[in-house]
C-alpha atoms as a PDB file:
ATOM      1  CA  UNK A   1      22.198  22.626 -16.357  1.00  0.00           C
ATOM      2  CA  UNK A   2      21.597  24.637 -19.420  1.00  0.00           C
ATOM      3  CA  UNK A   3      21.211  21.029 -22.298  1.00  0.00           C
ATOM      4  CA  UNK A   4      18.279  20.577 -23.927  1.00  0.00           C
ATOM      5  CA  UNK A   5      16.010  18.884 -22.997  1.00  0.00           C
ATOM      6  CA  UNK A   6      15.990  15.290 -24.839  1.00  0.00           C
ATOM      7  CA  UNK A   7      19.224  15.604 -23.677  1.00  0.00           C
ATOM      8  CA  UNK A   8      21.307  16.910 -26.631  1.00  0.00           C
ATOM      9  CA  UNK A   9      23.054  19.561 -24.173  1.00  0.00           C
ATOM     10  CA  UNK A  10      27.501  18.933 -22.931  1.00  0.00           C
ATOM     11  CA  UNK A  11      26.011  15.315 -21.385  1.00  0.00           C
ATOM     12  CA  UNK A  12      26.254  13.325 -25.130  1.00  0.00           C
ATOM     13  CA  UNK A  13      23.245  11.863 -24.505  1.00  0.00           C
ATOM     14  CA  UNK A  14      23.438  10.217 -21.888  1.00  0.00           C
ATOM     15  CA  UNK A  15      21.254  12.876 -19.634  1.00  0.00           C
ATOM     16  CA  UNK A  16      17.902  11.115 -21.852  1.00  0.00           C
ATOM     17  CA  UNK A  17      18.747   8.090 -18.804  1.00  0.00           C
ATOM     18  CA  UNK A  18      18.705  10.056 -16.214  1.00  0.00           C
ATOM     19  CA  UNK A  19      16.556   8.620 -13.239  1.00  0.00           C
ATOM     20  CA  UNK A  20      16.355   5.161 -15.276  1.00  0.00           C
ATOM     21  CA  UNK A  21      17.329   3.405 -12.153  1.00  0.00           C
ATOM     22  CA  UNK A  22      15.868   5.378 -10.681  1.00  0.00           C
ATOM     23  CA  UNK A  23      12.429   4.987 -11.823  1.00  0.00           C
ATOM     24  CA  UNK A  24      12.663   1.222 -11.780  1.00  0.00           C
ATOM     25  CA  UNK A  25      14.031   1.435  -7.793  1.00  0.00           C
ATOM     26  CA  UNK A  26       9.984   2.978  -7.713  1.00  0.00           C
ATOM     27  CA  UNK A  27       8.396   0.995 -10.286  1.00  0.00           C
ATOM     28  CA  UNK A  28       9.016  -2.769  -9.621  1.00  0.00           C
ATOM     29  CA  UNK A  29       8.292  -2.836  -5.809  1.00  0.00           C
ATOM     30  CA  UNK A  30       5.126  -0.713  -6.288  1.00  0.00           C
ATOM     31  CA  UNK A  31       3.740  -3.154  -8.749  1.00  0.00           C
ATOM     32  CA  UNK A  32       5.041  -6.013  -6.888  1.00  0.00           C
ATOM     33  CA  UNK A  33       3.543  -5.184  -3.277  1.00  0.00           C
ATOM     34  CA  UNK A  34      -0.310  -4.427  -5.895  1.00  0.00           C
ATOM     35  CA  UNK A  35      -0.460  -7.573  -7.142  1.00  0.00           C
ATOM     36  CA  UNK A  36       0.445  -9.282  -4.188  1.00  0.00           C
ATOM     37  CA  UNK A  37      -2.493  -7.450  -2.279  1.00  0.00           C
ATOM     38  CA  UNK A  38      -5.009  -7.607  -5.178  1.00  0.00           C
ATOM     39  CA  UNK A  39      -4.076 -11.682  -4.933  1.00  0.00           C
ATOM     40  CA  UNK A  40      -4.181 -12.076  -0.871  1.00  0.00           C
ATOM     41  CA  UNK A  41      -7.614  -8.988  -1.431  1.00  0.00           C
ATOM     42  CA  UNK A  42      -9.316 -11.361  -4.319  1.00  0.00           C
ATOM     43  CA  UNK A  43      -8.162 -14.863  -2.591  1.00  0.00           C
ATOM     44  CA  UNK A  44     -10.290 -13.558   1.338  1.00  0.00           C
ATOM     45  CA  UNK A  45     -13.025 -14.604  -1.400  1.00  0.00           C
ATOM     46  CA  UNK A  46     -12.269 -18.884  -0.466  1.00  0.00           C
ATOM     47  CA  UNK A  47     -12.106 -19.061  -3.741  1.00  0.00           C
ATOM     48  CA  UNK A  48     -16.611 -18.587  -5.185  1.00  0.00           C
ATOM     49  CA  UNK A  49     -15.605 -19.095  -8.353  1.00  0.00           C
ATOM     50  CA  UNK A  50     -14.672 -15.945 -11.718  1.00  0.00           C
ATOM     51  CA  UNK A  51     -14.051 -12.562  -9.565  1.00  0.00           C
ATOM     52  CA  UNK A  52     -16.278  -9.889 -11.413  1.00  0.00           C
ATOM     53  CA  UNK A  53     -15.900  -6.517 -12.232  1.00  0.00           C
ATOM     54  CA  UNK A  54     -17.287  -4.917  -9.199  1.00  0.00           C
ATOM     55  CA  UNK A  55     -15.153  -7.018  -6.764  1.00  0.00           C
ATOM     56  CA  UNK A  56     -12.075  -7.271  -9.387  1.00  0.00           C
ATOM     57  CA  UNK A  57     -12.818  -3.338  -9.243  1.00  0.00           C
ATOM     58  CA  UNK A  58     -12.735  -2.889  -5.492  1.00  0.00           C
ATOM     59  CA  UNK A  59     -10.013  -5.257  -5.206  1.00  0.00           C
ATOM     60  CA  UNK A  60      -7.654  -3.330  -7.394  1.00  0.00           C
ATOM     61  CA  UNK A  61      -9.182   0.408  -6.054  1.00  0.00           C
ATOM     62  CA  UNK A  62      -7.819  -0.928  -2.251  1.00  0.00           C
ATOM     63  CA  UNK A  63      -4.272  -2.548  -3.869  1.00  0.00           C
ATOM     64  CA  UNK A  64      -3.296  -0.467  -6.470  1.00  0.00           C
ATOM     65  CA  UNK A  65      -4.488   2.429  -3.494  1.00  0.00           C
ATOM     66  CA  UNK A  66      -1.645   0.025  -1.145  1.00  0.00           C
ATOM     67  CA  UNK A  67       1.037   0.167  -2.581  1.00  0.00           C
ATOM     68  CA  UNK A  68       1.340   3.984  -4.229  1.00  0.00           C
ATOM     69  CA  UNK A  69       1.376   5.146  -0.833  1.00  0.00           C
ATOM     70  CA  UNK A  70       4.413   2.310   0.518  1.00  0.00           C
ATOM     71  CA  UNK A  71       6.135   3.617  -2.173  1.00  0.00           C
ATOM     72  CA  UNK A  72       5.834   7.233  -1.771  1.00  0.00           C
ATOM     73  CA  UNK A  73       9.680   7.903  -0.600  1.00  0.00           C
ATOM     74  CA  UNK A  74      10.773   6.261  -3.740  1.00  0.00           C
ATOM     75  CA  UNK A  75       8.339   8.025  -5.775  1.00  0.00           C
ATOM     76  CA  UNK A  76       9.877  11.266  -4.190  1.00  0.00           C
ATOM     77  CA  UNK A  77      13.171  10.068  -4.800  1.00  0.00           C
ATOM     78  CA  UNK A  78      12.773   9.022  -7.936  1.00  0.00           C
ATOM     79  CA  UNK A  79      11.361  12.523  -9.554  1.00  0.00           C
ATOM     80  CA  UNK A  80      13.960  14.568  -7.698  1.00  0.00           C
ATOM     81  CA  UNK A  81      16.555  12.802  -9.298  1.00  0.00           C
ATOM     82  CA  UNK A  82      14.998  12.798 -13.024  1.00  0.00           C
ATOM     83  CA  UNK A  83      15.028  16.768 -11.656  1.00  0.00           C
ATOM     84  CA  UNK A  84      18.213  16.792 -10.775  1.00  0.00           C
ATOM     85  CA  UNK A  85      17.585  17.896  -7.473  1.00  0.00           C
ATOM     86  CA  UNK A  86      18.717  16.877  -4.167  1.00  0.00           C
ATOM     87  CA  UNK A  87      21.741  19.125  -3.084  1.00  0.00           C
ATOM     88  CA  UNK A  88      24.814  17.136  -4.479  1.00  0.00           C
ATOM     89  CA  UNK A  89      23.736  13.980  -3.299  1.00  0.00           C
ATOM     90  CA  UNK A  90      23.709  10.957  -7.027  1.00  0.00           C
ATOM     91  CA  UNK A  91      22.735   7.778  -4.560  1.00  0.00           C
ATOM     92  CA  UNK A  92      19.795   7.633  -5.215  1.00  0.00           C
ATOM     93  CA  UNK A  93      20.075   5.940  -1.217  1.00  0.00           C
ATOM     94  CA  UNK A  94      22.573   9.335  -0.999  1.00  0.00           C
ATOM     95  CA  UNK A  95      19.192  10.841  -1.493  1.00  0.00           C
ATOM     96  CA  UNK A  96      16.577   8.721   0.797  1.00  0.00           C
ATOM     97  CA  UNK A  97      18.642   9.422   3.490  1.00  0.00           C
ATOM     98  CA  UNK A  98      18.988  13.222   2.541  1.00  0.00           C
ATOM     99  CA  UNK A  99      14.986  13.404   2.169  1.00  0.00           C
ATOM    100  CA  UNK A 100      14.774  11.697   5.610  1.00  0.00           C
ATOM    101  CA  UNK A 101      17.263  13.671   7.614  1.00  0.00           C
ATOM    102  CA  UNK A 102      16.170  17.266   6.507  1.00  0.00           C
ATOM    103  CA  UNK A 103      12.617  17.199   5.873  1.00  0.00           C
ATOM    104  CA  UNK A 104      11.669  13.366   7.844  1.00  0.00           C
ATOM    105  CA  UNK A 105       7.945  11.649   6.967  1.00  0.00           C
ATOM    106  CA  UNK A 106       6.669  14.990   5.838  1.00  0.00           C
ATOM    107  CA  UNK A 107       8.919  15.217   2.947  1.00  0.00           C
ATOM    108  CA  UNK A 108       8.856  11.143   2.048  1.00  0.00           C
ATOM    109  CA  UNK A 109       5.436  11.658   1.770  1.00  0.00           C
ATOM    110  CA  UNK A 110       4.831  14.480  -0.323  1.00  0.00           C
ATOM    111  CA  UNK A 111       2.489  14.312  -2.716  1.00  0.00           C
ATOM    112  CA  UNK A 112       1.377  10.615  -1.340  1.00  0.00           C
ATOM    113  CA  UNK A 113      -3.168  12.089  -1.627  1.00  0.00           C
ATOM    114  CA  UNK A 114      -3.019  12.674  -5.172  1.00  0.00           C
ATOM    115  CA  UNK A 115      -1.015   9.495  -6.444  1.00  0.00           C
ATOM    116  CA  UNK A 116      -3.721   7.742  -4.094  1.00  0.00           C
ATOM    117  CA  UNK A 117      -6.183   9.513  -5.503  1.00  0.00           C
ATOM    118  CA  UNK A 118      -5.040   8.541  -8.603  1.00  0.00           C
ATOM    119  CA  UNK A 119      -4.527   4.772  -8.111  1.00  0.00           C
ATOM    120  CA  UNK A 120      -8.272   4.249  -7.004  1.00  0.00           C
ATOM    121  CA  UNK A 121      -9.748   5.421 -10.375  1.00  0.00           C
ATOM    122  CA  UNK A 122      -6.741   3.837 -12.256  1.00  0.00           C
ATOM    123  CA  UNK A 123      -6.209   0.556  -9.752  1.00  0.00           C
ATOM    124  CA  UNK A 124     -10.111   0.041 -10.664  1.00  0.00           C
ATOM    125  CA  UNK A 125     -10.005  -0.248 -13.999  1.00  0.00           C
ATOM    126  CA  UNK A 126      -7.129  -1.807 -14.583  1.00  0.00           C
ATOM    127  CA  UNK A 127      -7.932  -5.268 -12.358  1.00  0.00           C
ATOM    128  CA  UNK A 128     -11.739  -4.524 -13.515  1.00  0.00           C
ATOM    129  CA  UNK A 129     -10.251  -4.606 -16.710  1.00  0.00           C
ATOM    130  CA  UNK A 130      -7.895  -7.819 -16.131  1.00  0.00           C
ATOM    131  CA  UNK A 131     -10.635  -9.932 -15.070  1.00  0.00           C
ATOM    132  CA  UNK A 132     -13.320  -9.578 -17.727  1.00  0.00           C
ATOM    133  CA  UNK A 133     -10.593  -9.794 -20.342  1.00  0.00           C
ATOM    134  CA  UNK A 134      -9.408 -12.931 -18.308  1.00  0.00           C
ATOM    135  CA  UNK A 135     -12.699 -14.679 -18.424  1.00  0.00           C
ATOM    136  CA  UNK A 136     -13.629 -13.723 -21.938  1.00  0.00           C
ATOM    137  CA  UNK A 137     -10.262 -14.736 -22.961  1.00  0.00           C
ATOM    138  CA  UNK A 138     -10.782 -18.529 -21.379  1.00  0.00           C
ATOM    139  CA  UNK A 139     -14.070 -17.877 -22.897  1.00  0.00           C
ATOM    140  CA  UNK A 140     -13.074 -18.818 -26.377  1.00  0.00           C
ATOM    141  CA  UNK A 141      -9.803 -20.361 -26.115  1.00  0.00           C
ATOM    142  CA  UNK A 142     -11.755 -23.339 -23.531  1.00  0.00           C
ATOM    143  CA  UNK A 143     -15.075 -22.646 -24.451  1.00  0.00           C
ATOM    144  CA  UNK A 144     -15.176 -23.246 -28.295  1.00  0.00           C
ATOM    145  CA  UNK A 145     -15.558 -19.199 -28.698  1.00  0.00           C
ATOM    146  CA  UNK A 146     -18.761 -18.469 -27.007  1.00  0.00           C
ATOM    147  CA  UNK A 147     -18.121 -15.080 -25.945  1.00  0.00           C
ATOM    148  CA  UNK A 148     -17.079 -13.713 -28.831  1.00  0.00           C
ATOM    149  CA  UNK A 149     -18.198 -13.112 -32.502  1.00  0.00           C
ATOM    150  CA  UNK A 150     -20.679 -15.510 -33.201  1.00  0.00           C
ATOM    151  CA  UNK A 151     -21.182 -18.469 -35.334  1.00  0.00           C
ATOM    152  CA  UNK A 152     -23.256 -18.741 -38.422  1.00  0.00           C
ATOM    153  CA  UNK A 153     -23.280 -21.526 -40.399  1.00  0.00           C
END
């Protein structure tokens, strides 16, 4: 209602945490799916050594896109909870049931296309960076530092 945007209204600061648990109910499944899918994609290589930047970018883009598509209904519920949209329903799963009953799959998957588009880019960057950082750190820690700074005697 009429409270301040940072929670300073009549809620005593409690509205500062609006959607906190809803966010967790979305974020953890999304991350689990993303990392399991990435592991499945790169393990299909048959253990061919280091995962290269292009390969990790493609696998990361695909795994993040899958995770975001699958968890879109959870994100819809989370966003509506944070915006306090839901016809008086306050529980996470109650909102999920209401959206499903009133709007069907179209409501549950609203916004899926932009989410997946963003996921392709962010997943490619995230996993290519992860694999490159992992390789460089392994080189530094286990091979005497050959991947980073030069040693001059």
